[in-house]
Amino acid sequence: MSDLTEIVDSLENRISKLLHKYEATKQSQHSIQEELAILKVENERLSEEVKNSEKRIHTLKAANAMLGSNDYKKETKLKINGLIREIDQCIVQLSE
Protein backbone atom coordinates (compact mmCIF):
# COMPACT_ATOMS: atom_id res chain seq x y z
CA MET A 1 0.00 0.00 0.00
CA SER A 2 2.87 2.40 0.75
CA ASP A 3 4.27 1.77 -2.75
CA LEU A 4 0.97 2.89 -4.22
CA THR A 5 0.98 6.00 -2.04
CA GLU A 6 4.53 6.81 -3.13
CA ILE A 7 3.57 6.40 -6.80
CA VAL A 8 0.54 8.66 -6.38
CA ASP A 9 2.64 11.26 -4.54
CA SER A 10 5.28 11.07 -7.25
CA LEU A 11 2.64 11.52 -9.96
CA GLU A 12 1.09 14.47 -8.12
CA ASN A 13 4.54 16.04 -7.79
CA ARG A 14 5.28 15.55 -11.50
CA ILE A 15 1.87 16.93 -12.51
CA SER A 16 2.41 19.95 -10.27
CA LYS A 17 5.82 20.56 -11.85
CA LEU A 18 4.34 20.18 -15.34
CA LEU A 19 1.54 22.63 -14.55
CA HIS A 20 4.07 25.11 -13.21
CA LYS A 21 6.22 24.73 -16.36
CA TYR A 22 3.09 25.11 -18.50
CA GLU A 23 2.15 28.38 -16.77
CA ALA A 24 5.72 29.68 -17.05
CA THR A 25 5.80 28.77 -20.75
CA LYS A 26 2.40 30.40 -21.26
CA GLN A 27 3.65 33.62 -19.63
CA SER A 28 6.83 33.50 -21.70
CA GLN A 29 4.82 33.04 -24.89
CA HIS A 30 2.60 35.99 -23.99
CA SER A 31 5.66 38.18 -23.38
CA ILE A 32 7.20 37.09 -26.67
CA GLN A 33 3.97 37.82 -28.56
CA GLU A 34 3.82 41.31 -27.05
CA GLU A 35 7.45 41.90 -28.00
CA LEU A 36 6.76 40.61 -31.51
CA ALA A 37 3.87 43.04 -31.92
CA ILE A 38 6.07 45.92 -30.77
CA LEU A 39 8.85 44.86 -33.13
CA LYS A 40 6.42 44.59 -36.05
CA VAL A 41 5.27 48.16 -35.47
CA GLU A 42 8.89 49.31 -35.19
CA ASN A 43 9.81 47.42 -38.36
CA GLU A 44 6.92 49.03 -40.24
CA ARG A 45 7.96 52.48 -39.02
CA LEU A 46 11.57 51.89 -40.03
CA SER A 47 10.54 50.55 -43.44
CA GLU A 48 8.49 53.68 -44.05
CA GLU A 49 11.41 55.79 -42.90
CA VAL A 50 13.72 53.99 -45.35
CA LYS A 51 11.26 54.56 -48.21
CA ASN A 52 11.03 58.25 -47.36
CA SER A 53 14.81 58.50 -47.16
CA GLU A 54 15.19 56.82 -50.55
CA LYS A 55 12.69 59.27 -52.06
CA ARG A 56 14.55 62.15 -50.48
CA ILE A 57 17.89 60.87 -51.81
CA HIS A 58 16.43 60.58 -55.30
CA THR A 59 15.02 64.11 -55.09
CA LEU A 60 18.31 65.48 -53.80
CA LYS A 61 20.21 63.77 -56.61
CA ALA A 62 17.90 65.33 -59.18
CA ALA A 63 18.18 68.75 -57.55
CA ASN A 64 21.95 68.40 -57.41
CA ALA A 65 22.07 67.56 -61.12
CA MET A 66 19.85 70.54 -61.96
CA LEU A 67 22.19 72.79 -60.03
CA GLY A 68 25.02 71.85 -62.35
CA SER A 69 26.55 68.71 -60.87
CA ASN A 70 27.64 66.21 -63.50
CA ASP A 71 27.28 63.21 -61.19
CA TYR A 72 23.56 62.59 -61.74
CA LYS A 73 22.84 64.43 -64.98
CA LYS A 74 22.11 61.26 -66.91
CA GLU A 75 19.57 60.05 -64.34
CA THR A 76 17.93 63.46 -64.24
CA LYS A 77 17.73 63.70 -68.04
CA LEU A 78 16.14 60.25 -68.19
CA LYS A 79 13.62 61.23 -65.51
CA ILE A 80 12.77 64.50 -67.30
CA ASN A 81 12.40 62.65 -70.62
CA GLY A 82 10.06 60.17 -68.94
CA LEU A 83 7.97 62.99 -67.52
CA ILE A 84 7.82 64.67 -70.94
CA ARG A 85 6.60 61.41 -72.50
CA GLU A 86 3.90 61.13 -69.83
CA ILE A 87 2.81 64.73 -70.51
CA ASP A 88 2.74 64.04 -74.25
CA GLN A 89 0.53 60.99 -73.66
CA CYS A 90 -1.84 63.10 -71.53
CA ILE A 91 -2.02 65.74 -74.30
CA VAL A 92 -2.80 63.04 -76.89
CA GLN A 93 -5.55 61.62 -74.68
CA LEU A 94 -7.02 65.07 -74.11
CA SER A 95 -7.01 65.90 -77.80
CA GLU A 96 -8.90 62.72 -78.74
C-alpha atoms as a PDB file:
ATOM      1  CA  MET A   1       0.000   0.000   0.000  1.00  0.00           C
ATOM      2  CA  SER A   2       2.869   2.396   0.746  1.00  0.00           C
ATOM      3  CA  ASP A   3       4.268   1.774  -2.753  1.00  0.00           C
ATOM      4  CA  LEU A   4       0.972   2.893  -4.223  1.00  0.00           C
ATOM      5  CA  THR A   5       0.982   6.004  -2.043  1.00  0.00           C
ATOM      6  CA  GLU A   6       4.535   6.808  -3.135  1.00  0.00           C
ATOM      7  CA  ILE A   7       3.575   6.395  -6.798  1.00  0.00           C
ATOM      8  CA  VAL A   8       0.544   8.663  -6.383  1.00  0.00           C
ATOM      9  CA  ASP A   9       2.638  11.262  -4.542  1.00  0.00           C
ATOM     10  CA  SER A  10       5.280  11.072  -7.253  1.00  0.00           C
ATOM     11  CA  LEU A  11       2.644  11.525  -9.959  1.00  0.00           C
ATOM     12  CA  GLU A  12       1.089  14.466  -8.121  1.00  0.00           C
ATOM     13  CA  ASN A  13       4.535  16.037  -7.789  1.00  0.00           C
ATOM     14  CA  ARG A  14       5.276  15.548 -11.499  1.00  0.00           C
ATOM     15  CA  ILE A  15       1.866  16.930 -12.506  1.00  0.00           C
ATOM     16  CA  SER A  16       2.412  19.947 -10.269  1.00  0.00           C
ATOM     17  CA  LYS A  17       5.823  20.564 -11.848  1.00  0.00           C
ATOM     18  CA  LEU A  18       4.340  20.179 -15.345  1.00  0.00           C
ATOM     19  CA  LEU A  19       1.543  22.631 -14.552  1.00  0.00           C
ATOM     20  CA  HIS A  20       4.073  25.113 -13.208  1.00  0.00           C
ATOM     21  CA  LYS A  21       6.219  24.733 -16.362  1.00  0.00           C
ATOM     22  CA  TYR A  22       3.089  25.113 -18.504  1.00  0.00           C
ATOM     23  CA  GLU A  23       2.147  28.380 -16.770  1.00  0.00           C
ATOM     24  CA  ALA A  24       5.722  29.676 -17.051  1.00  0.00           C
ATOM     25  CA  THR A  25       5.795  28.774 -20.754  1.00  0.00           C
ATOM     26  CA  LYS A  26       2.400  30.400 -21.259  1.00  0.00           C
ATOM     27  CA  GLN A  27       3.649  33.619 -19.625  1.00  0.00           C
ATOM     28  CA  SER A  28       6.826  33.498 -21.705  1.00  0.00           C
ATOM     29  CA  GLN A  29       4.817  33.040 -24.893  1.00  0.00           C
ATOM     30  CA  HIS A  30       2.602  35.993 -23.985  1.00  0.00           C
ATOM     31  CA  SER A  31       5.664  38.180 -23.381  1.00  0.00           C
ATOM     32  CA  ILE A  32       7.198  37.092 -26.669  1.00  0.00           C
ATOM     33  CA  GLN A  33       3.967  37.815 -28.556  1.00  0.00           C
ATOM     34  CA  GLU A  34       3.824  41.310 -27.055  1.00  0.00           C
ATOM     35  CA  GLU A  35       7.453  41.896 -28.000  1.00  0.00           C
ATOM     36  CA  LEU A  36       6.758  40.606 -31.515  1.00  0.00           C
ATOM     37  CA  ALA A  37       3.870  43.039 -31.922  1.00  0.00           C
ATOM     38  CA  ILE A  38       6.066  45.921 -30.774  1.00  0.00           C
ATOM     39  CA  LEU A  39       8.849  44.863 -33.135  1.00  0.00           C
ATOM     40  CA  LYS A  40       6.420  44.589 -36.053  1.00  0.00           C
ATOM     41  CA  VAL A  41       5.269  48.159 -35.472  1.00  0.00           C
ATOM     42  CA  GLU A  42       8.890  49.312 -35.187  1.00  0.00           C
ATOM     43  CA  ASN A  43       9.806  47.418 -38.364  1.00  0.00           C
ATOM     44  CA  GLU A  44       6.916  49.027 -40.235  1.00  0.00           C
ATOM     45  CA  ARG A  45       7.964  52.479 -39.018  1.00  0.00           C
ATOM     46  CA  LEU A  46      11.575  51.894 -40.029  1.00  0.00           C
ATOM     47  CA  SER A  47      10.545  50.549 -43.439  1.00  0.00           C
ATOM     48  CA  GLU A  48       8.491  53.680 -44.049  1.00  0.00           C
ATOM     49  CA  GLU A  49      11.407  55.793 -42.902  1.00  0.00           C
ATOM     50  CA  VAL A  50      13.717  53.988 -45.349  1.00  0.00           C
ATOM     51  CA  LYS A  51      11.259  54.562 -48.208  1.00  0.00           C
ATOM     52  CA  ASN A  52      11.028  58.247 -47.359  1.00  0.00           C
ATOM     53  CA  SER A  53      14.814  58.503 -47.155  1.00  0.00           C
ATOM     54  CA  GLU A  54      15.191  56.818 -50.546  1.00  0.00           C
ATOM     55  CA  LYS A  55      12.694  59.268 -52.063  1.00  0.00           C
ATOM     56  CA  ARG A  56      14.551  62.154 -50.479  1.00  0.00           C
ATOM     57  CA  ILE A  57      17.891  60.873 -51.807  1.00  0.00           C
ATOM     58  CA  HIS A  58      16.427  60.579 -55.296  1.00  0.00           C
ATOM     59  CA  THR A  59      15.018  64.107 -55.093  1.00  0.00           C
ATOM     60  CA  LEU A  60      18.307  65.481 -53.800  1.00  0.00           C
ATOM     61  CA  LYS A  61      20.209  63.771 -56.612  1.00  0.00           C
ATOM     62  CA  ALA A  62      17.897  65.327 -59.177  1.00  0.00           C
ATOM     63  CA  ALA A  63      18.183  68.747 -57.548  1.00  0.00           C
ATOM     64  CA  ASN A  64      21.954  68.396 -57.415  1.00  0.00           C
ATOM     65  CA  ALA A  65      22.071  67.563 -61.117  1.00  0.00           C
ATOM     66  CA  MET A  66      19.853  70.535 -61.961  1.00  0.00           C
ATOM     67  CA  LEU A  67      22.193  72.789 -60.029  1.00  0.00           C
ATOM     68  CA  GLY A  68      25.021  71.849 -62.349  1.00  0.00           C
ATOM     69  CA  SER A  69      26.550  68.712 -60.869  1.00  0.00           C
ATOM     70  CA  ASN A  70      27.641  66.208 -63.503  1.00  0.00           C
ATOM     71  CA  ASP A  71      27.281  63.207 -61.192  1.00  0.00           C
ATOM     72  CA  TYR A  72      23.557  62.593 -61.741  1.00  0.00           C
ATOM     73  CA  LYS A  73      22.841  64.430 -64.978  1.00  0.00           C
ATOM     74  CA  LYS A  74      22.107  61.258 -66.914  1.00  0.00           C
ATOM     75  CA  GLU A  75      19.569  60.051 -64.341  1.00  0.00           C
ATOM     76  CA  THR A  76      17.932  63.459 -64.240  1.00  0.00           C
ATOM     77  CA  LYS A  77      17.729  63.699 -68.040  1.00  0.00           C
ATOM     78  CA  LEU A  78      16.136  60.253 -68.193  1.00  0.00           C
ATOM     79  CA  LYS A  79      13.618  61.232 -65.514  1.00  0.00           C
ATOM     80  CA  ILE A  80      12.770  64.495 -67.304  1.00  0.00           C
ATOM     81  CA  ASN A  81      12.396  62.651 -70.621  1.00  0.00           C
ATOM     82  CA  GLY A  82      10.065  60.165 -68.935  1.00  0.00           C
ATOM     83  CA  LEU A  83       7.973  62.992 -67.522  1.00  0.00           C
ATOM     84  CA  ILE A  84       7.818  64.675 -70.939  1.00  0.00           C
ATOM     85  CA  ARG A  85       6.604  61.411 -72.497  1.00  0.00           C
ATOM     86  CA  GLU A  86       3.896  61.135 -69.834  1.00  0.00           C
ATOM     87  CA  ILE A  87       2.809  64.734 -70.510  1.00  0.00           C
ATOM     88  CA  ASP A  88       2.742  64.037 -74.253  1.00  0.00           C
ATOM     89  CA  GLN A  89       0.529  60.993 -73.657  1.00  0.00           C
ATOM     90  CA  CYS A  90      -1.838  63.098 -71.534  1.00  0.00           C
ATOM     91  CA  ILE A  91      -2.016  65.737 -74.295  1.00  0.00           C
ATOM     92  CA  VAL A  92      -2.797  63.039 -76.886  1.00  0.00           C
ATOM     93  CA  GLN A  93      -5.550  61.616 -74.679  1.00  0.00           C
ATOM     94  CA  LEU A  94      -7.017  65.067 -74.105  1.00  0.00           C
ATOM     95  CA  SER A  95      -7.014  65.897 -77.797  1.00  0.00           C
ATOM     96  CA  GLU A  96      -8.905  62.725 -78.743  1.00  0.00           C
END
